[in-house]
């Protein structure tokens, strides 16, 4: 049985700030504990390399669908009203974690990530529908091409504790690619259920970002899922 993603509240109280303070918003799929633990394990191992990388906080890791940027809270309410029907037009599905990789490429790595396998086309369709809806509400269009991944860290612009910035590309490739086969190295595959989309507000701080769930939008439950859930 697939791991169940913890349900998030429909609405959370707003942070105690000014009425005119813009909200920094993004849409994402929350991750189950098993995936967050895998991300934490990989980061803990890679951190020992002394690379100049700013690692993510595993407890806040998520599968990003669209970064919406800063907007008035009234526009967040418009999203909350518009997205339930759009997201519910898609049936639930499941991905799994895959190999390690980088953006944009190993010669100039900027973002380190954990890849995904499975029905990626269904995730892309969900992301495209959400993008069209948010664009119609006045939000900026997302990237032209969507590359789903789970971010592990972002390269800093200074030397690390054990590796200089100029030596980082070779060091990362040595850890991420098998020298014998040339294939990307993959940690143990872990299920990533896509059961809901969450509208998050991001609070930036000295200790990293804190993500506040504003609303959650469930995907439709398929007939086969219903049958398996009720089977003795």
Protein backbone atom coordinates (compact mmCIF):
# COMPACT_ATOMS: atom_id res chain seq x y z
CA UNK A 1 0.00 0.00 0.00
CA UNK A 2 1.30 3.46 -0.90
CA UNK A 3 2.30 5.75 2.00
CA UNK A 4 -0.37 8.29 2.85
CA UNK A 5 0.55 11.95 2.66
CA UNK A 6 -0.48 13.76 5.88
CA UNK A 7 -3.51 15.96 5.32
CA UNK A 8 -3.02 19.70 5.68
CA UNK A 9 -5.63 22.13 6.93
CA UNK A 10 -7.72 23.98 4.33
CA UNK A 11 -6.80 27.35 5.75
CA UNK A 12 -4.19 28.53 8.22
CA UNK A 13 -4.36 31.87 10.09
CA UNK A 14 -2.28 34.57 8.41
CA UNK A 15 1.04 35.54 9.89
CA UNK A 16 0.98 38.62 12.14
CA UNK A 17 2.13 41.22 9.65
CA UNK A 18 0.72 44.32 7.98
CA UNK A 19 -2.44 44.18 5.92
CA UNK A 20 -0.57 45.38 2.85
CA UNK A 21 2.35 42.98 3.25
CA UNK A 22 2.60 40.86 0.07
CA UNK A 23 2.58 37.09 0.36
CA UNK A 24 5.35 35.04 -1.27
CA UNK A 25 3.43 32.09 -2.74
CA UNK A 26 4.12 28.77 -4.46
CA UNK A 27 2.19 25.59 -5.30
CA UNK A 28 3.64 22.17 -4.51
CA UNK A 29 2.94 18.52 -3.76
CA UNK A 30 3.77 17.68 -0.11
CA UNK A 31 6.10 14.75 0.50
CA UNK A 32 5.55 11.76 2.82
CA UNK A 33 7.91 11.19 5.71
CA UNK A 34 9.71 8.35 3.89
CA UNK A 35 10.81 10.70 1.11
CA UNK A 36 11.84 13.46 3.52
CA UNK A 37 13.95 10.89 5.40
CA UNK A 38 15.59 9.81 2.14
CA UNK A 39 16.37 13.43 1.28
CA UNK A 40 17.80 13.96 4.76
CA UNK A 41 19.98 10.87 4.44
CA UNK A 42 21.36 11.95 1.07
CA UNK A 43 22.07 15.48 2.28
CA UNK A 44 23.77 14.17 5.42
CA UNK A 45 26.06 12.03 3.27
CA UNK A 46 26.83 14.74 0.72
CA UNK A 47 27.43 17.37 3.41
CA UNK A 48 30.55 15.45 4.46
CA UNK A 49 32.16 16.27 1.11
CA UNK A 50 32.65 19.90 2.20
CA UNK A 51 31.10 21.29 -0.98
CA UNK A 52 30.10 24.97 -1.22
CA UNK A 53 26.40 24.11 -1.26
CA UNK A 54 23.47 25.54 0.69
CA UNK A 55 21.44 22.45 1.55
CA UNK A 56 17.67 22.42 1.92
CA UNK A 57 15.95 21.58 5.18
CA UNK A 58 14.57 18.04 4.68
CA UNK A 59 11.50 18.73 6.82
CA UNK A 60 10.43 21.49 4.40
CA UNK A 61 11.21 19.59 1.20
CA UNK A 62 8.42 19.45 -1.39
CA UNK A 63 7.75 18.83 -5.08
CA UNK A 64 7.34 22.29 -6.61
CA UNK A 65 4.68 22.81 -9.28
CA UNK A 66 4.83 26.59 -9.68
CA UNK A 67 6.44 29.52 -7.94
CA UNK A 68 3.91 32.36 -7.96
CA UNK A 69 6.00 35.14 -6.45
CA UNK A 70 4.73 37.96 -4.25
CA UNK A 71 1.04 38.85 -4.31
CA UNK A 72 -1.61 40.51 -2.18
CA UNK A 73 -3.49 38.12 0.10
CA UNK A 74 -6.69 38.83 -1.84
CA UNK A 75 -5.13 37.16 -4.88
CA UNK A 76 -4.24 34.15 -2.75
CA UNK A 77 -7.95 33.91 -1.96
CA UNK A 78 -8.74 33.96 -5.69
CA UNK A 79 -6.41 31.01 -6.16
CA UNK A 80 -8.02 29.17 -3.26
CA UNK A 81 -11.39 29.54 -4.96
CA UNK A 82 -10.23 28.70 -8.48
CA UNK A 83 -8.00 25.66 -8.00
CA UNK A 84 -10.22 22.98 -6.35
CA UNK A 85 -12.08 22.15 -9.57
CA UNK A 86 -8.94 22.29 -11.70
CA UNK A 87 -6.93 19.97 -9.45
CA UNK A 88 -9.89 17.60 -8.94
CA UNK A 89 -10.03 17.05 -12.71
CA UNK A 90 -6.85 14.95 -12.28
CA UNK A 91 -6.81 11.48 -10.71
CA UNK A 92 -4.33 10.53 -8.03
CA UNK A 93 -1.14 8.78 -9.10
CA UNK A 94 2.25 7.79 -7.77
CA UNK A 95 5.83 8.59 -8.73
CA UNK A 96 9.05 7.26 -7.23
CA UNK A 97 12.44 8.77 -6.54
CA UNK A 98 15.17 8.17 -9.10
CA UNK A 99 18.78 9.20 -9.77
CA UNK A 100 20.81 12.17 -8.59
CA UNK A 101 21.39 15.06 -10.98
CA UNK A 102 22.16 18.75 -11.39
CA UNK A 103 20.91 21.86 -13.19
CA UNK A 104 21.87 23.10 -15.68
CA UNK A 105 24.66 20.53 -16.31
CA UNK A 106 27.72 18.97 -14.66
CA UNK A 107 30.12 21.52 -16.19
CA UNK A 108 28.38 24.34 -14.31
CA UNK A 109 26.22 22.87 -11.53
CA UNK A 110 23.88 25.31 -9.77
CA UNK A 111 21.17 23.08 -8.28
CA UNK A 112 21.61 19.53 -6.94
CA UNK A 113 18.51 17.35 -7.06
CA UNK A 114 16.92 13.95 -6.72
CA UNK A 115 15.06 12.86 -9.84
CA UNK A 116 11.64 11.25 -10.28
CA UNK A 117 10.34 8.31 -12.33
CA UNK A 118 6.83 7.14 -13.15
CA UNK A 119 3.93 8.83 -14.96
CA UNK A 120 5.69 12.18 -15.24
CA UNK A 121 3.31 13.14 -18.06
CA UNK A 122 0.46 13.20 -15.54
CA UNK A 123 2.40 15.54 -13.27
CA UNK A 124 3.23 17.74 -16.27
CA UNK A 125 -0.46 17.88 -17.25
CA UNK A 126 -1.43 18.87 -13.70
CA UNK A 127 1.27 21.53 -13.63
CA UNK A 128 0.19 22.92 -17.02
CA UNK A 129 -3.46 23.23 -15.97
CA UNK A 130 -2.45 24.99 -12.75
CA UNK A 131 -0.17 27.29 -14.73
CA UNK A 132 -2.95 28.32 -17.10
CA UNK A 133 -5.32 29.00 -14.21
CA UNK A 134 -2.79 31.11 -12.29
CA UNK A 135 -1.87 33.03 -15.45
CA UNK A 136 -5.55 33.87 -15.98
CA UNK A 137 -5.59 35.32 -12.46
CA UNK A 138 -2.68 37.63 -13.22
CA UNK A 139 0.23 35.60 -11.85
CA UNK A 140 3.43 35.41 -13.88
CA UNK A 141 3.83 32.44 -16.20
CA UNK A 142 6.14 29.71 -14.98
CA UNK A 143 9.11 28.25 -16.84
CA UNK A 144 8.44 27.25 -20.44
CA UNK A 145 9.60 23.70 -19.72
CA UNK A 146 8.81 21.90 -16.50
CA UNK A 147 11.49 19.59 -15.06
CA UNK A 148 10.10 17.89 -11.93
CA UNK A 149 12.68 17.17 -9.25
CA UNK A 150 13.31 17.28 -5.51
CA UNK A 151 15.91 19.93 -4.67
CA UNK A 152 18.76 18.87 -2.38
CA UNK A 153 20.85 22.03 -2.41
CA UNK A 154 22.03 25.11 -4.32
CA UNK A 155 25.66 25.95 -5.06
CA UNK A 156 27.07 28.98 -3.24
CA UNK A 157 29.44 31.48 -4.82
CA UNK A 158 32.34 30.81 -2.45
CA UNK A 159 34.73 27.97 -1.70
CA UNK A 160 33.60 25.12 0.53
CA UNK A 161 35.31 23.67 3.58
CA UNK A 162 37.00 20.90 1.61
CA UNK A 163 36.39 21.70 -2.08
CA UNK A 164 37.07 24.90 -3.99
CA UNK A 165 34.34 26.25 -6.23
CA UNK A 166 36.38 25.64 -9.38
CA UNK A 167 36.82 21.96 -8.44
CA UNK A 168 33.16 21.41 -7.63
CA UNK A 169 31.93 20.21 -11.06
CA UNK A 170 34.35 17.28 -11.09
CA UNK A 171 33.66 16.45 -7.45
CA UNK A 172 29.88 16.36 -7.98
CA UNK A 173 30.13 14.26 -11.14
CA UNK A 174 32.39 11.82 -9.29
CA UNK A 175 29.65 11.28 -6.68
CA UNK A 176 26.62 11.39 -8.96
CA UNK A 177 27.83 9.28 -11.93
CA UNK A 178 29.13 5.71 -11.88
CA UNK A 179 32.61 5.72 -13.42
CA UNK A 180 32.27 2.22 -14.85
CA UNK A 181 28.89 2.43 -16.55
CA UNK A 182 28.50 6.19 -16.88
CA UNK A 183 24.99 5.90 -15.43
CA UNK A 184 23.60 8.30 -12.87
CA UNK A 185 23.67 6.91 -9.32
CA UNK A 186 20.25 6.44 -7.73
CA UNK A 187 19.43 6.02 -4.02
CA UNK A 188 16.80 3.39 -3.10
CA UNK A 189 13.57 4.14 -4.97
CA UNK A 190 10.90 5.52 -2.64
CA UNK A 191 7.21 6.12 -3.54
CA UNK A 192 6.09 9.71 -4.02
CA UNK A 193 2.26 9.75 -3.92
CA UNK A 194 0.60 12.68 -5.67
CA UNK A 195 -2.63 13.05 -3.71
CA UNK A 196 -3.02 16.81 -3.32
CA UNK A 197 -1.66 20.20 -4.29
CA UNK A 198 -0.94 22.72 -1.56
CA UNK A 199 -0.77 26.50 -1.79
CA UNK A 200 2.13 27.58 0.43
CA UNK A 201 3.22 30.94 1.74
CA UNK A 202 6.98 31.20 2.15
CA UNK A 203 8.44 33.19 5.06
CA UNK A 204 12.11 34.04 4.51
CA UNK A 205 14.39 34.25 7.54
CA UNK A 206 18.00 34.05 8.66
CA UNK A 207 17.58 30.35 9.45
CA UNK A 208 16.02 29.53 6.08
CA UNK A 209 12.52 29.59 4.70
CA UNK A 210 9.43 28.54 6.64
CA UNK A 211 6.52 27.28 4.56
CA UNK A 212 3.00 27.98 5.76
CA UNK A 213 0.21 25.95 4.07
CA UNK A 214 -2.63 28.25 3.04
CA UNK A 215 -4.96 25.74 1.33
CA UNK A 216 -4.93 22.19 0.00
CA UNK A 217 -6.62 20.85 -3.14
CA UNK A 218 -7.12 17.08 -3.43
CA UNK A 219 -6.84 15.15 -6.67
CA UNK A 220 -9.71 12.85 -7.63
CA UNK A 221 -9.80 9.32 -6.25
CA UNK A 222 -9.99 6.75 -9.07
CA UNK A 223 -12.45 3.85 -9.03
CA UNK A 224 -9.59 1.36 -8.74
CA UNK A 225 -8.29 3.23 -5.68
CA UNK A 226 -11.73 3.08 -4.12
CA UNK A 227 -11.96 -0.65 -4.72
CA UNK A 228 -8.54 -1.38 -3.22
CA UNK A 229 -9.32 0.78 -0.19
CA UNK A 230 -12.54 -1.12 0.56
CA UNK A 231 -11.26 -4.61 -0.21
CA UNK A 232 -11.12 -6.94 2.82
